[in-house]
Protein backbone atom coordinates (compact mmCIF):
# COMPACT_ATOMS: atom_id res chain seq x y z
CA MET A 1 -11.72 -20.22 -18.76
CA ASN A 2 -10.57 -21.09 -15.23
CA GLU A 3 -13.03 -19.35 -12.90
CA ASP A 4 -10.14 -18.01 -10.78
CA LEU A 5 -8.98 -15.99 -13.77
CA ILE A 6 -12.31 -14.20 -14.34
CA LEU A 7 -12.39 -10.64 -12.98
CA SER A 8 -16.10 -10.58 -12.16
CA HIS A 9 -15.61 -13.57 -9.87
CA TYR A 10 -13.70 -11.34 -7.44
CA ASN A 11 -16.63 -9.02 -6.86
CA TYR A 12 -18.59 -8.62 -3.64
CA ASN A 13 -21.08 -6.09 -2.29
CA LEU A 14 -19.88 -3.92 0.60
CA PRO A 15 -22.28 -1.69 2.53
CA GLN A 16 -21.02 1.89 2.43
CA GLU A 17 -21.14 2.20 6.22
CA LEU A 18 -18.44 -0.51 6.59
CA ILE A 19 -15.79 1.62 4.83
CA ALA A 20 -13.63 2.94 7.66
CA ASN A 21 -13.05 6.68 7.50
CA TYR A 22 -11.03 6.72 10.72
CA PRO A 23 -8.87 4.12 12.49
CA ALA A 24 -9.84 2.30 15.67
CA VAL A 25 -8.84 4.06 18.89
CA PRO A 26 -6.76 2.68 20.47
CA LYS A 27 -5.16 0.66 17.65
CA GLU A 28 -5.44 -2.59 19.60
CA ASN A 29 -9.25 -2.32 19.50
CA ALA A 30 -9.36 -3.09 15.77
CA LYS A 31 -11.14 -6.35 15.02
CA LEU A 32 -9.11 -9.33 13.85
CA LEU A 33 -10.48 -12.31 11.93
CA ILE A 34 -8.20 -15.35 12.19
CA TYR A 35 -8.38 -18.15 9.64
CA LYS A 36 -6.43 -21.37 10.17
CA ARG A 37 -6.11 -23.14 6.83
CA LYS A 38 -5.11 -26.55 8.26
CA ASN A 39 -8.45 -27.22 9.94
CA GLN A 40 -10.46 -24.28 8.53
CA GLU A 41 -11.02 -22.82 12.01
CA ILE A 42 -12.19 -19.21 12.27
CA TYR A 43 -11.78 -16.94 15.29
CA HIS A 44 -13.01 -13.42 15.94
CA THR A 45 -10.87 -11.36 18.26
CA THR A 46 -9.08 -8.00 18.46
CA PHE A 47 -5.57 -6.89 17.64
CA ALA A 48 -4.74 -6.82 21.34
CA ASN A 49 -4.79 -10.65 21.23
CA LEU A 50 -2.72 -11.12 18.05
CA LYS A 51 0.33 -12.51 19.85
CA ASP A 52 -1.75 -15.30 21.43
CA PHE A 53 -2.53 -16.79 18.01
CA LEU A 54 0.86 -16.53 16.30
CA PRO A 55 2.87 -19.68 15.62
CA ASN A 56 6.65 -19.76 15.74
CA CYS A 57 7.59 -17.40 12.91
CA THR A 58 9.74 -14.49 11.81
CA ILE A 59 7.79 -11.28 11.21
CA PHE A 60 8.42 -8.88 8.31
CA PHE A 61 7.23 -5.26 8.21
CA ASN A 62 7.42 -2.60 5.49
CA ASP A 63 9.21 0.51 6.82
CA THR A 64 8.30 2.82 3.93
CA LYS A 65 7.15 6.31 4.90
CA VAL A 66 4.22 8.12 3.28
CA ILE A 67 5.06 11.50 1.79
CA LYS A 68 2.62 14.41 1.79
CA ALA A 69 2.00 13.81 -1.88
CA ARG A 70 -1.06 16.01 -2.48
CA ILE A 71 -0.64 19.77 -2.99
CA TYR A 72 -3.03 22.53 -4.01
CA GLY A 73 -2.13 25.52 -6.14
CA ARG A 74 -3.16 27.58 -9.13
CA LYS A 75 -2.48 28.05 -12.80
CA GLU A 76 -1.01 31.28 -14.11
CA SER A 77 -4.55 32.07 -15.29
CA GLY A 78 -5.67 31.89 -11.65
CA GLY A 79 -7.58 28.63 -11.92
CA LYS A 80 -7.25 26.21 -9.01
CA ILE A 81 -5.23 23.03 -9.44
CA GLU A 82 -4.64 19.84 -7.44
CA LEU A 83 -1.46 17.82 -7.99
CA PHE A 84 -0.78 14.33 -6.67
CA LEU A 85 2.85 13.23 -6.79
CA HIS A 86 3.30 9.59 -7.79
CA GLN A 87 7.03 8.89 -8.10
CA PRO A 88 10.34 10.16 -9.45
CA PHE A 89 10.81 9.70 -13.19
CA LEU A 90 13.76 7.41 -13.83
CA ASN A 91 16.44 7.80 -16.50
CA SER A 92 15.77 11.49 -16.91
CA LYS A 93 18.49 14.03 -17.73
CA LYS A 94 17.18 16.33 -15.00
CA PRO A 95 15.07 15.59 -11.90
CA SER A 96 11.46 15.05 -12.94
CA PHE A 97 8.41 13.32 -11.54
CA ILE A 98 5.28 11.47 -12.58
CA VAL A 99 2.20 13.22 -11.21
CA GLN A 100 -1.56 13.20 -11.49
CA ILE A 101 -3.19 16.60 -12.04
CA LYS A 102 -6.87 17.38 -11.61
CA GLY A 103 -7.75 19.83 -14.33
CA ARG A 104 -6.55 20.51 -17.85
CA VAL A 105 -2.92 21.42 -18.35
CA LYS A 106 -0.77 21.87 -21.42
CA ILE A 107 2.88 21.09 -22.08
CA ASN A 108 5.14 23.92 -20.79
CA GLU A 109 2.37 25.19 -18.51
CA ILE A 110 3.55 26.56 -15.16
CA LEU A 111 1.69 25.74 -11.92
CA HIS A 112 2.20 27.72 -8.71
CA PHE A 113 2.14 26.41 -5.13
CA GLU A 114 3.06 27.61 -1.64
CA LYS A 115 6.66 28.43 -0.62
CA ASN A 116 7.47 29.62 -4.17
CA LEU A 117 7.22 26.06 -5.48
CA ILE A 118 6.38 25.81 -9.16
CA ALA A 119 5.83 22.84 -11.42
CA GLU A 120 6.50 22.90 -15.15
CA VAL A 121 4.57 20.38 -17.23
CA ILE A 122 7.12 18.62 -19.45
CA GLU A 123 5.11 15.81 -20.98
CA ILE A 124 1.62 14.33 -21.03
CA LEU A 125 1.94 10.55 -20.72
CA GLU A 126 -0.20 7.92 -22.44
CA ASP A 127 -1.99 6.86 -19.25
CA GLY A 128 -3.06 10.44 -18.49
CA MET A 129 -0.29 11.10 -16.01
CA ARG A 130 2.00 14.10 -16.40
CA LYS A 131 5.76 14.44 -16.24
CA VAL A 132 6.80 17.62 -14.44
CA CYS A 133 9.88 19.37 -13.09
CA PHE A 134 9.70 21.21 -9.77
CA TYR A 135 11.49 24.49 -9.07
CA GLN A 136 11.83 26.75 -6.06
CA ASN A 137 13.31 30.23 -6.58
CA ASP A 138 14.56 29.15 -10.04
CA LYS A 139 16.39 26.11 -8.59
CA ILE A 140 15.36 22.69 -9.88
CA LEU A 141 14.53 20.32 -7.02
CA ASN A 142 15.75 16.77 -6.68
CA THR A 143 13.73 14.06 -4.91
CA ASN A 144 15.01 14.71 -1.38
CA GLU A 145 14.60 18.47 -1.72
CA LEU A 146 11.06 18.07 -3.01
CA TYR A 147 10.06 15.65 -0.23
CA LYS A 148 11.33 18.08 2.42
CA LEU A 149 9.28 20.89 0.92
CA LEU A 150 6.17 18.71 0.57
CA ASP A 151 6.45 17.94 4.27
CA LYS A 152 5.78 21.64 4.89
CA ILE A 153 3.08 22.36 2.32
CA GLY A 154 1.63 18.98 1.29
CA HIS A 155 -1.31 16.92 2.47
CA ILE A 156 -1.47 13.25 3.48
CA PRO A 157 -2.82 11.40 0.41
CA LEU A 158 -5.79 9.58 1.88
CA PRO A 159 -7.17 6.86 -0.43
CA PRO A 160 -9.96 7.80 -2.84
CA TYR A 161 -12.59 5.78 -0.95
CA ILE A 162 -12.14 7.92 2.20
CA LYS A 163 -14.56 10.70 1.37
CA ARG A 164 -13.19 13.48 3.56
CA ALA A 165 -10.30 15.92 3.65
CA ASP A 166 -7.17 14.93 5.52
CA ASN A 167 -6.62 16.43 8.96
CA ALA A 168 -3.75 16.85 11.42
CA LYS A 169 -4.47 13.48 13.03
CA ASP A 170 -3.97 11.67 9.72
CA ILE A 171 -0.31 12.71 9.75
CA GLU A 172 0.13 10.25 12.61
CA ASP A 173 -2.64 7.76 11.85
CA TYR A 174 -1.76 7.13 8.19
CA GLN A 175 1.84 6.21 9.02
CA SER A 176 3.26 3.13 10.72
CA ILE A 177 5.17 3.73 13.94
CA PHE A 178 8.38 2.41 12.34
CA ALA A 179 8.08 4.32 9.03
CA LYS A 180 11.46 5.80 8.08
CA ASN A 181 12.19 5.59 4.34
CA LEU A 182 10.31 8.32 2.46
CA GLY A 183 8.74 7.43 -0.85
CA ALA A 184 5.27 5.91 -0.49
CA VAL A 185 2.08 7.66 -1.58
CA ALA A 186 -0.11 5.13 0.22
CA ALA A 187 0.42 3.45 3.58
CA PRO A 188 1.17 -0.26 4.04
CA THR A 189 -2.09 -0.42 5.94
CA ALA A 190 -1.72 -3.70 7.84
CA SER A 191 1.15 -2.03 9.70
CA LEU A 192 -1.07 0.79 10.94
CA HIS A 193 -2.55 -1.49 13.63
CA PHE A 194 0.71 -1.86 15.56
CA SER A 195 1.58 0.21 18.63
CA GLU A 196 4.97 0.43 20.37
CA ASP A 197 3.73 -1.89 23.12
CA MET A 198 2.60 -4.51 20.61
CA ILE A 199 5.95 -4.45 18.81
CA ASN A 200 7.81 -4.81 22.12
CA ASP A 201 5.62 -7.78 23.06
CA LEU A 202 6.17 -9.46 19.71
CA ASN A 203 9.93 -8.95 20.00
CA LYS A 204 10.02 -11.18 23.07
CA LYS A 205 9.11 -14.29 21.07
CA HIS A 206 9.66 -13.42 17.42
CA GLU A 207 12.48 -12.10 15.25
CA ILE A 208 11.38 -8.94 13.44
CA TYR A 209 12.81 -7.69 10.14
CA HIS A 210 12.04 -4.73 7.94
CA LEU A 211 12.11 -4.28 4.20
CA THR A 212 11.09 -1.29 2.10
CA LEU A 213 8.55 -1.13 -0.70
CA HIS A 214 7.38 2.35 -1.66
CA VAL A 215 3.66 1.85 -2.15
CA GLY A 216 2.49 3.63 -5.28
CA ALA A 217 -0.90 4.94 -6.33
CA GLY A 218 -1.12 1.91 -8.62
CA THR A 219 -2.19 -0.08 -5.57
CA PHE A 220 -5.65 1.49 -6.07
CA LYS A 221 -5.70 0.87 -9.83
CA ASN A 222 -8.69 -1.13 -11.03
CA VAL A 223 -8.22 -4.42 -12.81
CA GLU A 224 -10.11 -3.97 -16.07
CA CYS A 225 -9.22 -7.13 -18.04
CA GLU A 226 -11.86 -9.84 -17.74
CA ASN A 227 -8.98 -12.35 -17.83
CA ILE A 228 -6.95 -11.16 -14.86
CA GLN A 229 -3.73 -12.62 -16.27
CA GLU A 230 -3.83 -9.89 -18.93
CA HIS A 231 -3.64 -7.16 -16.26
CA LYS A 232 -0.44 -5.10 -16.36
CA MET A 233 0.75 -4.90 -12.78
CA HIS A 234 2.10 -1.59 -11.48
CA SER A 235 5.78 -1.42 -10.51
CA GLU A 236 7.10 -0.19 -7.15
CA PHE A 237 10.62 0.30 -5.81
CA PHE A 238 11.70 -2.18 -3.14
CA SER A 239 14.82 -2.91 -1.10
CA ILE A 240 15.51 -5.84 1.22
CA PRO A 241 18.49 -5.73 3.64
CA LYS A 242 20.96 -8.65 3.45
CA GLN A 243 20.01 -10.04 6.87
CA ALA A 244 16.37 -10.13 5.81
CA CYS A 245 17.34 -11.85 2.55
CA GLU A 246 19.13 -14.54 4.57
CA ILE A 247 15.90 -15.24 6.44
CA ILE A 248 13.99 -15.53 3.16
CA ASP A 249 16.70 -17.90 1.89
CA SER A 250 16.33 -20.03 5.03
CA LYS A 251 13.45 -22.36 5.89
CA LYS A 252 12.19 -20.30 8.84
CA PRO A 253 8.42 -19.71 8.78
CA ILE A 254 7.59 -16.13 7.77
CA LEU A 255 4.62 -13.92 8.61
CA GLY A 256 4.30 -11.00 6.21
CA ILE A 257 2.53 -7.93 7.56
CA GLY A 258 0.60 -6.72 4.54
CA THR A 259 0.45 -7.28 0.81
CA THR A 260 3.47 -5.06 0.08
CA VAL A 261 5.71 -7.20 2.29
CA THR A 262 4.31 -10.31 0.63
CA ARG A 263 5.01 -9.09 -2.88
CA SER A 264 8.56 -8.09 -1.94
CA ILE A 265 9.35 -11.44 -0.31
CA GLU A 266 7.83 -13.41 -3.15
CA TYR A 267 9.59 -11.29 -5.78
CA TYR A 268 12.92 -11.93 -4.07
CA ALA A 269 12.15 -15.65 -3.78
CA ARG A 270 11.67 -15.77 -7.56
CA THR A 271 14.48 -13.45 -8.69
CA HIS A 272 16.96 -13.13 -5.78
CA LYS A 273 17.06 -9.39 -6.47
CA GLU A 274 17.62 -7.46 -3.24
CA ASN A 275 16.34 -4.20 -4.70
CA GLY A 276 14.79 -2.82 -7.84
CA PHE A 277 11.21 -2.62 -9.04
CA CYS A 278 8.63 -5.19 -8.05
CA ASP A 279 5.76 -5.88 -10.44
CA LEU A 280 4.76 -9.30 -9.11
CA PHE A 281 1.07 -10.16 -9.45
CA LEU A 282 -0.02 -12.88 -7.03
CA HIS A 283 -3.33 -14.66 -7.65
CA PRO A 284 -4.62 -18.25 -7.35
CA ASN A 285 -2.77 -19.29 -10.51
CA ASN A 286 0.43 -17.66 -9.21
CA PRO A 287 0.45 -18.49 -5.48
CA PRO A 288 3.20 -17.71 -2.94
CA ILE A 289 6.23 -20.00 -2.95
CA ARG A 290 7.98 -18.75 0.21
CA GLN A 291 5.86 -16.76 2.67
CA ASN A 292 3.89 -18.91 5.09
CA TYR A 293 1.44 -16.57 6.82
CA LEU A 294 -0.25 -13.27 5.99
CA LEU A 295 -1.80 -10.46 8.01
CA THR A 296 -3.73 -7.98 5.88
CA ASN A 297 -6.71 -5.61 5.83
CA PHE A 298 -9.90 -6.21 3.87
CA HIS A 299 -9.55 -5.02 0.28
CA LEU A 300 -11.51 -3.56 -2.62
CA PRO A 301 -13.55 -5.90 -4.83
CA LYS A 302 -11.91 -6.90 -8.12
CA SER A 303 -8.53 -5.52 -6.93
CA THR A 304 -5.10 -7.12 -7.23
CA LEU A 305 -5.05 -7.09 -3.41
CA ILE A 306 -8.06 -9.39 -2.96
CA MET A 307 -6.51 -11.59 -5.65
CA LEU A 308 -3.30 -11.75 -3.60
CA VAL A 309 -5.29 -12.86 -0.52
CA SER A 310 -6.98 -15.45 -2.73
CA SER A 311 -3.55 -16.77 -3.72
CA PHE A 312 -3.12 -17.93 -0.10
CA ILE A 313 -6.55 -19.41 0.59
CA GLY A 314 -8.36 -19.71 -2.74
CA ARG A 315 -10.89 -17.36 -4.29
CA GLU A 316 -14.04 -19.05 -3.01
CA ARG A 317 -12.75 -19.28 0.56
CA CYS A 318 -11.60 -15.66 0.43
CA LEU A 319 -15.03 -14.43 -0.66
CA LYS A 320 -16.76 -16.53 2.01
CA LEU A 321 -14.54 -14.98 4.68
CA TYR A 322 -15.31 -11.52 3.30
CA GLU A 323 -19.04 -12.32 3.48
CA LEU A 324 -18.56 -13.38 7.10
CA ALA A 325 -16.63 -10.19 7.86
CA ILE A 326 -19.47 -8.11 6.41
CA LYS A 327 -22.01 -10.06 8.45
CA GLU A 328 -19.93 -9.46 11.61
CA LYS A 329 -19.61 -5.74 10.82
CA TYR A 330 -15.86 -5.66 10.28
CA ARG A 331 -14.58 -2.33 9.00
CA PHE A 332 -12.98 -2.40 5.54
CA TYR A 333 -10.03 -0.87 3.66
CA SER A 334 -7.10 1.26 4.84
CA TYR A 335 -8.35 2.37 8.27
CA GLY A 336 -10.34 -0.82 8.80
CA ASP A 337 -9.93 -4.16 10.54
CA ALA A 338 -7.75 -7.07 9.51
CA MET A 339 -7.47 -10.79 8.82
CA LEU A 340 -4.69 -13.18 9.85
CA ILE A 341 -4.16 -16.21 7.61
CA LEU A 342 -2.31 -19.07 9.29
């Protein structure tokens, strides 16, 4: 089998202390590894100097907004329960949602939360997820109503590798400064590095466009097939404005900020769908056909995200750069440092 298709060949060993539990302060202090593919040059700098390395390009950001998807409540028996909202359930006769619940629940069981919110378990799905309906004061809640209520009682859904409870600062830190379209349960983390001043500076020399991809919890899902092409990719809602589509249809060089932007651009390049559900899996045997440059954080071993990075620069080169980042004490994952591929 082609070595680039073997799951175990995307593994690497990360010291626990390099997993970032908090972001850099200020944002511009985050480290930035720059890799130029043309001559294989490598630079170590900080985000404050990003603009000095960028070629002539149009920049795309993901403007999704993270919802407070984690809530704590109790069963009617009094037992504690934790519920993690994933996404609305489509094609349902009444508003319902796919959720993850810690603890045993049965069909028709009622769960109680703050502000008179209750969840009724409608179905137990094959993958262990649950389908539920939410009610407040006997009124069934639609998506917008639920999101508004979660904003009052919910918690920011920090990734599973951040081993601490969320705090008030995470409400700001785990959200990009341009986030506006509610629906993500994980942040597009490459965007977290950008401050207002940085965006204003970039605007002087670069066109900036936004698209929306609501990052789902599937972004953290392990690849378990030894042949990665057998992996079933998770699906996430995306929408690309017409002006942004025109840029993708042009020949202008594009820098995608993050893997979610990349998948959206590449999905559009293949299908010309401006919205819908993206399930594109990029890896060395399915490389990008449109996006030129990538800025992204450092990702989990054996994840679809490290495979996406490998689709730009090759698996072996990707792992060598990760080894270098570990040697240079870069901070990894959502609140960590980043790499710019030119």
